[in-house]
Protein backbone atom coordinates (compact mmCIF):
# COMPACT_ATOMS: atom_id res chain seq x y z
CA MET A 1 4.85 -13.52 -40.66
CA LEU A 2 6.21 -12.58 -37.34
CA ALA A 3 8.61 -9.56 -36.51
CA LYS A 4 9.94 -9.40 -32.94
CA LYS A 5 10.66 -6.08 -31.14
CA THR A 6 14.10 -6.04 -29.41
CA SER A 7 14.97 -4.46 -26.16
CA LYS A 8 16.16 -1.46 -28.12
CA ASN A 9 12.76 -1.07 -29.91
CA GLN A 10 14.11 -2.31 -33.19
CA LEU A 11 12.29 -4.68 -35.65
CA THR A 12 13.83 -7.01 -38.09
CA LEU A 13 11.82 -7.26 -41.35
CA PRO A 14 11.19 -10.72 -42.55
CA LYS A 15 13.45 -11.68 -45.59
CA GLN A 16 10.31 -12.29 -47.80
CA ILE A 17 9.14 -8.69 -47.19
CA VAL A 18 12.55 -7.10 -47.71
CA GLN A 19 13.09 -8.96 -51.06
CA GLU A 20 10.14 -7.20 -52.44
CA PHE A 21 12.00 -3.83 -52.06
CA PRO A 22 15.52 -4.65 -53.29
CA ASP A 23 16.50 -1.04 -53.92
CA ILE A 24 14.93 0.61 -50.86
CA GLU A 25 16.86 1.44 -47.77
CA TYR A 26 14.47 3.79 -45.97
CA PHE A 27 10.72 3.43 -44.92
CA ASP A 28 8.42 6.09 -43.82
CA VAL A 29 6.68 4.70 -40.75
CA SER A 30 3.22 5.75 -39.64
CA LEU A 31 0.25 4.44 -37.43
CA GLU A 32 -3.04 3.89 -39.00
CA LYS A 33 -5.93 2.50 -36.99
CA ARG A 34 -3.47 0.91 -34.51
CA ARG A 35 -1.52 -0.62 -37.37
CA ILE A 36 2.20 0.14 -38.19
CA VAL A 37 2.43 1.07 -41.80
CA LEU A 38 5.71 1.16 -43.77
CA ARG A 39 6.03 2.92 -46.94
CA PRO A 40 9.19 2.81 -49.15
CA VAL A 41 10.89 6.13 -49.55
CA GLN A 42 13.52 7.09 -52.10
CA ILE A 43 15.96 9.65 -50.66
CA SER A 44 17.01 12.34 -53.16
CA PRO A 45 20.52 13.47 -53.24
CA ALA A 46 21.41 16.73 -51.44
CA GLU A 47 22.34 18.31 -54.56
CA THR A 48 18.89 18.32 -55.87
CA GLY A 49 18.22 21.94 -56.99
CA ILE A 50 15.49 24.27 -55.98
CA GLU A 51 13.68 23.93 -59.15
CA ASP A 52 13.43 20.19 -58.54
CA THR A 53 11.99 21.04 -55.11
CA ARG A 54 9.50 23.58 -56.56
CA LYS A 55 8.44 20.92 -59.21
CA LYS A 56 7.92 18.32 -56.36
CA LEU A 57 5.81 20.75 -54.25
CA GLU A 58 3.73 21.69 -57.31
CA LYS A 59 3.15 17.97 -58.10
CA LEU A 60 2.01 17.36 -54.41
CA GLY A 61 -0.30 20.52 -54.55
CA VAL A 62 1.53 22.34 -51.85
CA THR A 63 1.01 26.18 -52.19
CA GLU A 64 2.92 29.04 -50.94
CA ASN A 65 0.02 29.59 -48.29
CA ASP A 66 0.47 25.99 -47.24
CA VAL A 67 4.16 26.66 -46.52
CA ALA A 68 3.47 29.89 -44.59
CA ASN A 69 0.83 28.14 -42.49
CA ALA A 70 3.20 25.30 -41.69
CA ILE A 71 5.91 27.76 -40.65
CA ARG A 72 3.48 29.77 -38.33
CA TRP A 73 2.44 26.42 -36.90
CA ALA A 74 6.00 25.28 -36.28
CA ARG A 75 7.06 28.52 -34.68
CA LYS A 76 4.01 28.55 -32.27
CA ARG A 77 5.13 24.94 -31.04
CA ASN A 78 8.54 26.13 -30.15
CA ARG A 79 7.60 28.75 -27.72
């Protein structure tokens, strides 16, 4: 299947592909070995509580130390 990039750098996904993800509105886009990879993403409502966020971080294996390191890294980049 082909997808053409428009002058505004947009791609239209083929109907056959989109039909496989009927409830998905957003995709995470990444580049792996010179290939564009789309992964379906479910957006959580904004009213998701802090406990839900903590559970998700725990499930992903993210530690307090990981968060602290990420903050330090982000602050260095903004200088």
